[in-house]
Amino acid sequence: MSCEVDEIEECFNKAIEKYGDMVYRIAVNQMKNRSDADDIFQEVFIKWMQYREKFTSEDHEKAWMIRVTINQCKNVLGSSWNKKTGVLDEGIQNTLVYEQQDIAEESPLMEAIEKLPKKYRSVIHLFYYEDLSIAEMSQILNEKESTIRTWLTRARRKLKSLLKGVEL
């Protein structure tokens, strides 16, 4: 998406409209935390502003957004600051006034997906929620197609066992 200087705000708004939900869903899926996902969202679109002239197609731009979102999540999760922080216990969380807006209704399926290891959550999300093919996921995640297929198969099996006896 090429933008002239006077069109930058319009291009930025279009990019957020087009990719914002996807970026935020991936960030929440990876981070399991909406406030960290907000930070990731912001960082991804700052990087988009810096990179925006170099996209060759819409597919390239979408793949770039997914890759940058996943990389930003990895950076935060791997940071020494993040490793030294912990989750607030339930008592403290309940005293907070801040109410978060739900992206989607909490469901047994979403709870089960959150219990999966990160690599399995990623492939499930990209395959079912972002409609990416195995080949596209392979390029974005820098893994072989056979590895992606294996992760997807294992993720489905784990989900099936986690959801056994649960009414959806």
C-alpha atoms as a PDB file:
ATOM      1  CA  MET A   1       0.000   0.000   0.000  1.00  0.00           C
ATOM      2  CA  SER A   2       1.793   3.090  -1.223  1.00  0.00           C
ATOM      3  CA  CYS A   3       0.820   6.399   0.386  1.00  0.00           C
ATOM      4  CA  GLU A   4       1.754   9.977  -0.278  1.00  0.00           C
ATOM      5  CA  VAL A   5       2.665  12.173   2.693  1.00  0.00           C
ATOM      6  CA  ASP A   6      -0.760  13.850   2.745  1.00  0.00           C
ATOM      7  CA  GLU A   7      -2.545  10.454   2.591  1.00  0.00           C
ATOM      8  CA  ILE A   8      -0.679   8.736   5.445  1.00  0.00           C
ATOM      9  CA  GLU A   9      -3.486   9.083   7.987  1.00  0.00           C
ATOM     10  CA  GLU A  10      -6.041   7.701   5.537  1.00  0.00           C
ATOM     11  CA  CYS A  11      -3.758   4.759   4.664  1.00  0.00           C
ATOM     12  CA  PHE A  12      -3.102   4.115   8.351  1.00  0.00           C
ATOM     13  CA  ASN A  13      -6.846   4.041   9.095  1.00  0.00           C
ATOM     14  CA  LYS A  14      -7.441   1.672   6.172  1.00  0.00           C
ATOM     15  CA  ALA A  15      -4.685  -0.652   7.403  1.00  0.00           C
ATOM     16  CA  ILE A  16      -6.149  -0.723  10.905  1.00  0.00           C
ATOM     17  CA  GLU A  17      -9.606  -1.375   9.490  1.00  0.00           C
ATOM     18  CA  LYS A  18      -8.293  -4.147   7.249  1.00  0.00           C
ATOM     19  CA  TYR A  19      -5.831  -5.885   9.592  1.00  0.00           C
ATOM     20  CA  GLY A  20      -6.591  -4.589  13.081  1.00  0.00           C
ATOM     21  CA  ASP A  21      -8.909  -7.398  14.175  1.00  0.00           C
ATOM     22  CA  MET A  22      -6.548 -10.054  12.843  1.00  0.00           C
ATOM     23  CA  VAL A  23      -3.490  -8.525  14.552  1.00  0.00           C
ATOM     24  CA  TYR A  24      -5.351  -8.155  17.847  1.00  0.00           C
ATOM     25  CA  ARG A  25      -6.740 -11.719  17.753  1.00  0.00           C
ATOM     26  CA  ILE A  26      -3.273 -13.153  17.098  1.00  0.00           C
ATOM     27  CA  ALA A  27      -1.779 -11.026  19.883  1.00  0.00           C
ATOM     28  CA  VAL A  28      -4.433 -12.109  22.394  1.00  0.00           C
ATOM     29  CA  ASN A  29      -4.025 -15.710  21.295  1.00  0.00           C
ATOM     30  CA  GLN A  30      -0.264 -15.580  21.817  1.00  0.00           C
ATOM     31  CA  MET A  31      -0.103 -13.382  24.915  1.00  0.00           C
ATOM     32  CA  LYS A  32      -3.227 -14.642  26.760  1.00  0.00           C
ATOM     33  CA  ASN A  33      -3.479 -11.101  28.090  1.00  0.00           C
ATOM     34  CA  ARG A  34      -5.407  -8.218  26.562  1.00  0.00           C
ATOM     35  CA  SER A  35      -3.228  -5.430  27.946  1.00  0.00           C
ATOM     36  CA  ASP A  36      -0.092  -7.006  26.437  1.00  0.00           C
ATOM     37  CA  ALA A  37      -2.044  -7.580  23.225  1.00  0.00           C
ATOM     38  CA  ASP A  38      -2.854  -3.848  23.146  1.00  0.00           C
ATOM     39  CA  ASP A  39       0.862  -3.072  23.349  1.00  0.00           C
ATOM     40  CA  ILE A  40       1.651  -5.595  20.608  1.00  0.00           C
ATOM     41  CA  PHE A  41      -1.073  -4.090  18.409  1.00  0.00           C
ATOM     42  CA  GLN A  42       0.441  -0.647  18.809  1.00  0.00           C
ATOM     43  CA  GLU A  43       3.978  -1.863  18.067  1.00  0.00           C
ATOM     44  CA  VAL A  44       2.882  -3.737  14.941  1.00  0.00           C
ATOM     45  CA  PHE A  45       1.216  -0.668  13.472  1.00  0.00           C
ATOM     46  CA  ILE A  46       4.195   1.529  14.336  1.00  0.00           C
ATOM     47  CA  LYS A  47       6.354  -0.936  12.391  1.00  0.00           C
ATOM     48  CA  TRP A  48       3.783  -0.876   9.566  1.00  0.00           C
ATOM     49  CA  MET A  49       4.166   2.905   9.349  1.00  0.00           C
ATOM     50  CA  GLN A  50       7.924   2.492   8.980  1.00  0.00           C
ATOM     51  CA  TYR A  51       7.683  -0.326   6.412  1.00  0.00           C
ATOM     52  CA  ARG A  52       4.511   0.548   4.464  1.00  0.00           C
ATOM     53  CA  GLU A  53       6.160   1.475   1.151  1.00  0.00           C
ATOM     54  CA  LYS A  54       7.811  -1.919   0.637  1.00  0.00           C
ATOM     55  CA  PHE A  55       4.754  -4.169   0.196  1.00  0.00           C
ATOM     56  CA  THR A  56       4.428  -5.808  -3.209  1.00  0.00           C
ATOM     57  CA  SER A  57       0.838  -7.070  -2.789  1.00  0.00           C
ATOM     58  CA  GLU A  58      -2.003  -7.413  -0.294  1.00  0.00           C
ATOM     59  CA  ASP A  59      -0.957 -11.021   0.399  1.00  0.00           C
ATOM     60  CA  HIS A  60       2.558  -9.816   1.165  1.00  0.00           C
ATOM     61  CA  GLU A  61       1.190  -7.151   3.501  1.00  0.00           C
ATOM     62  CA  LYS A  62      -1.079  -9.641   5.329  1.00  0.00           C
ATOM     63  CA  ALA A  63       1.719 -12.185   5.738  1.00  0.00           C
ATOM     64  CA  TRP A  64       4.016  -9.411   6.965  1.00  0.00           C
ATOM     65  CA  MET A  65       1.434  -8.300   9.543  1.00  0.00           C
ATOM     66  CA  ILE A  66       1.036 -11.858  10.861  1.00  0.00           C
ATOM     67  CA  ARG A  67       4.799 -12.451  11.003  1.00  0.00           C
ATOM     68  CA  VAL A  68       5.507  -9.140  12.753  1.00  0.00           C
ATOM     69  CA  THR A  69       2.696  -9.759  15.254  1.00  0.00           C
ATOM     70  CA  ILE A  70       4.046 -13.218  16.117  1.00  0.00           C
ATOM     71  CA  ASN A  71       7.608 -11.880  16.365  1.00  0.00           C
ATOM     72  CA  GLN A  72       6.516  -9.019  18.648  1.00  0.00           C
ATOM     73  CA  CYS A  73       4.757 -11.539  20.892  1.00  0.00           C
ATOM     74  CA  LYS A  74       7.891 -13.701  21.007  1.00  0.00           C
ATOM     75  CA  ASN A  75       9.991 -10.647  21.865  1.00  0.00           C
ATOM     76  CA  VAL A  76       7.741  -9.707  24.778  1.00  0.00           C
ATOM     77  CA  LEU A  77       7.384 -13.278  26.039  1.00  0.00           C
ATOM     78  CA  GLY A  78      11.150 -13.802  25.833  1.00  0.00           C
ATOM     79  CA  SER A  79      12.119 -10.515  27.448  1.00  0.00           C
ATOM     80  CA  SER A  80      13.812 -10.629  30.824  1.00  0.00           C
ATOM     81  CA  TRP A  81      11.242  -8.145  32.159  1.00  0.00           C
ATOM     82  CA  ASN A  82       8.385 -10.470  31.224  1.00  0.00           C
ATOM     83  CA  LYS A  83      10.119 -13.473  32.789  1.00  0.00           C
ATOM     84  CA  LYS A  84      10.398 -11.615  36.100  1.00  0.00           C
ATOM     85  CA  THR A  85       6.726 -10.671  36.237  1.00  0.00           C
ATOM     86  CA  GLY A  86       3.960 -12.892  37.439  1.00  0.00           C
ATOM     87  CA  VAL A  87       0.222 -13.120  37.113  1.00  0.00           C
ATOM     88  CA  LEU A  88      -1.816 -11.291  39.729  1.00  0.00           C
ATOM     89  CA  ASP A  89      -3.603 -13.665  42.023  1.00  0.00           C
ATOM     90  CA  GLU A  90      -7.365 -13.885  41.643  1.00  0.00           C
ATOM     91  CA  GLY A  91      -8.096 -11.828  44.758  1.00  0.00           C
ATOM     92  CA  ILE A  92      -6.132  -8.850  43.482  1.00  0.00           C
ATOM     93  CA  GLN A  93      -7.542  -9.169  39.959  1.00  0.00           C
ATOM     94  CA  ASN A  94     -11.093  -9.042  41.298  1.00  0.00           C
ATOM     95  CA  THR A  95     -10.407  -5.763  43.116  1.00  0.00           C
ATOM     96  CA  LEU A  96      -9.345  -3.979  39.930  1.00  0.00           C
ATOM     97  CA  VAL A  97     -11.892  -1.520  38.556  1.00  0.00           C
ATOM     98  CA  TYR A  98     -10.689  -1.892  34.972  1.00  0.00           C
ATOM     99  CA  GLU A  99     -13.130  -3.952  32.962  1.00  0.00           C
ATOM    100  CA  GLN A 100     -11.949  -5.528  29.763  1.00  0.00           C
ATOM    101  CA  GLN A 101     -14.098  -5.783  26.707  1.00  0.00           C
ATOM    102  CA  ASP A 102     -14.436  -9.365  25.525  1.00  0.00           C
ATOM    103  CA  ILE A 103     -13.389 -10.065  21.951  1.00  0.00           C
ATOM    104  CA  ALA A 104     -15.493 -13.175  21.860  1.00  0.00           C
ATOM    105  CA  GLU A 105     -17.623 -14.978  24.348  1.00  0.00           C
ATOM    106  CA  GLU A 106     -15.615 -17.275  26.578  1.00  0.00           C
ATOM    107  CA  SER A 107     -16.437 -20.774  25.500  1.00  0.00           C
ATOM    108  CA  PRO A 108     -15.186 -24.252  26.299  1.00  0.00           C
ATOM    109  CA  LEU A 109     -13.490 -24.277  22.883  1.00  0.00           C
ATOM    110  CA  MET A 110     -11.599 -21.031  23.572  1.00  0.00           C
ATOM    111  CA  GLU A 111     -10.621 -22.278  27.035  1.00  0.00           C
ATOM    112  CA  ALA A 112      -9.327 -25.516  25.481  1.00  0.00           C
ATOM    113  CA  ILE A 113      -7.356 -23.628  22.815  1.00  0.00           C
ATOM    114  CA  GLU A 114      -5.737 -21.502  25.532  1.00  0.00           C
ATOM    115  CA  LYS A 115      -4.531 -24.676  27.248  1.00  0.00           C
ATOM    116  CA  LEU A 116      -2.614 -25.788  24.156  1.00  0.00           C
ATOM    117  CA  PRO A 117       1.128 -25.161  23.843  1.00  0.00           C
ATOM    118  CA  LYS A 118       1.904 -21.935  21.985  1.00  0.00           C
ATOM    119  CA  LYS A 119       2.950 -23.578  18.693  1.00  0.00           C
ATOM    120  CA  TYR A 120      -0.320 -25.521  18.566  1.00  0.00           C
ATOM    121  CA  ARG A 121      -2.385 -22.423  19.446  1.00  0.00           C
ATOM    122  CA  SER A 122      -0.656 -20.593  16.610  1.00  0.00           C
ATOM    123  CA  VAL A 123      -1.438 -23.136  13.904  1.00  0.00           C
ATOM    124  CA  ILE A 124      -5.028 -23.601  15.088  1.00  0.00           C
ATOM    125  CA  HIS A 125      -5.586 -19.851  15.071  1.00  0.00           C
ATOM    126  CA  LEU A 126      -3.926 -19.242  11.708  1.00  0.00           C
ATOM    127  CA  PHE A 127      -5.691 -22.182  10.042  1.00  0.00           C
ATOM    128  CA  TYR A 128      -9.209 -21.776  11.412  1.00  0.00           C
ATOM    129  CA  TYR A 129      -9.490 -18.082  12.249  1.00  0.00           C
ATOM    130  CA  GLU A 130      -7.246 -16.474   9.610  1.00  0.00           C
ATOM    131  CA  ASP A 131      -7.963 -19.060   6.855  1.00  0.00           C
ATOM    132  CA  LEU A 132      -4.310 -19.556   5.974  1.00  0.00           C
ATOM    133  CA  SER A 133      -3.169 -22.625   4.069  1.00  0.00           C
ATOM    134  CA  ILE A 134      -0.455 -24.986   5.294  1.00  0.00           C
ATOM    135  CA  ALA A 135       1.935 -23.455   2.726  1.00  0.00           C
ATOM    136  CA  GLU A 136       1.202 -19.900   3.908  1.00  0.00           C
ATOM    137  CA  MET A 137       1.671 -20.878   7.548  1.00  0.00           C
ATOM    138  CA  SER A 138       4.929 -22.589   6.636  1.00  0.00           C
ATOM    139  CA  GLN A 139       6.291 -19.374   5.154  1.00  0.00           C
ATOM    140  CA  ILE A 140       5.049 -17.156   7.980  1.00  0.00           C
ATOM    141  CA  LEU A 141       6.247 -19.413  10.793  1.00  0.00           C
ATOM    142  CA  ASN A 142       9.494 -20.378   9.007  1.00  0.00           C
ATOM    143  CA  GLU A 143       8.787 -24.086   9.410  1.00  0.00           C
ATOM    144  CA  LYS A 144       8.494 -26.958   6.927  1.00  0.00           C
ATOM    145  CA  GLU A 145       5.015 -27.761   5.636  1.00  0.00           C
ATOM    146  CA  SER A 146       5.293 -31.252   7.137  1.00  0.00           C
ATOM    147  CA  THR A 147       6.000 -29.698  10.549  1.00  0.00           C
ATOM    148  CA  ILE A 148       2.946 -27.450  10.257  1.00  0.00           C
ATOM    149  CA  ARG A 149       0.768 -30.435   9.292  1.00  0.00           C
ATOM    150  CA  THR A 150       2.116 -32.403  12.270  1.00  0.00           C
ATOM    151  CA  TRP A 151       1.456 -29.519  14.674  1.00  0.00           C
ATOM    152  CA  LEU A 152      -2.062 -29.101  13.295  1.00  0.00           C
ATOM    153  CA  THR A 153      -2.790 -32.822  13.657  1.00  0.00           C
ATOM    154  CA  ARG A 154      -1.438 -32.904  17.212  1.00  0.00           C
ATOM    155  CA  ALA A 155      -3.323 -29.739  18.135  1.00  0.00           C
ATOM    156  CA  ARG A 156      -6.579 -31.233  16.855  1.00  0.00           C
ATOM    157  CA  ARG A 157      -5.970 -34.426  18.862  1.00  0.00           C
ATOM    158  CA  LYS A 158      -5.243 -32.456  22.033  1.00  0.00           C
ATOM    159  CA  LEU A 159      -8.337 -30.309  21.498  1.00  0.00           C
ATOM    160  CA  LYS A 160     -10.438 -33.422  20.970  1.00  0.00           C
ATOM    161  CA  SER A 161      -9.216 -34.927  24.233  1.00  0.00           C
ATOM    162  CA  LEU A 162      -9.657 -31.627  26.110  1.00  0.00           C
ATOM    163  CA  LEU A 163     -13.190 -31.245  24.778  1.00  0.00           C
ATOM    164  CA  LYS A 164     -14.256 -34.869  25.315  1.00  0.00           C
ATOM    165  CA  GLY A 165     -17.541 -34.774  27.195  1.00  0.00           C
ATOM    166  CA  VAL A 166     -17.817 -30.971  26.995  1.00  0.00           C
ATOM    167  CA  GLU A 167     -20.976 -29.572  25.485  1.00  0.00           C
ATOM    168  CA  LEU A 168     -20.232 -26.815  22.945  1.00  0.00           C
END
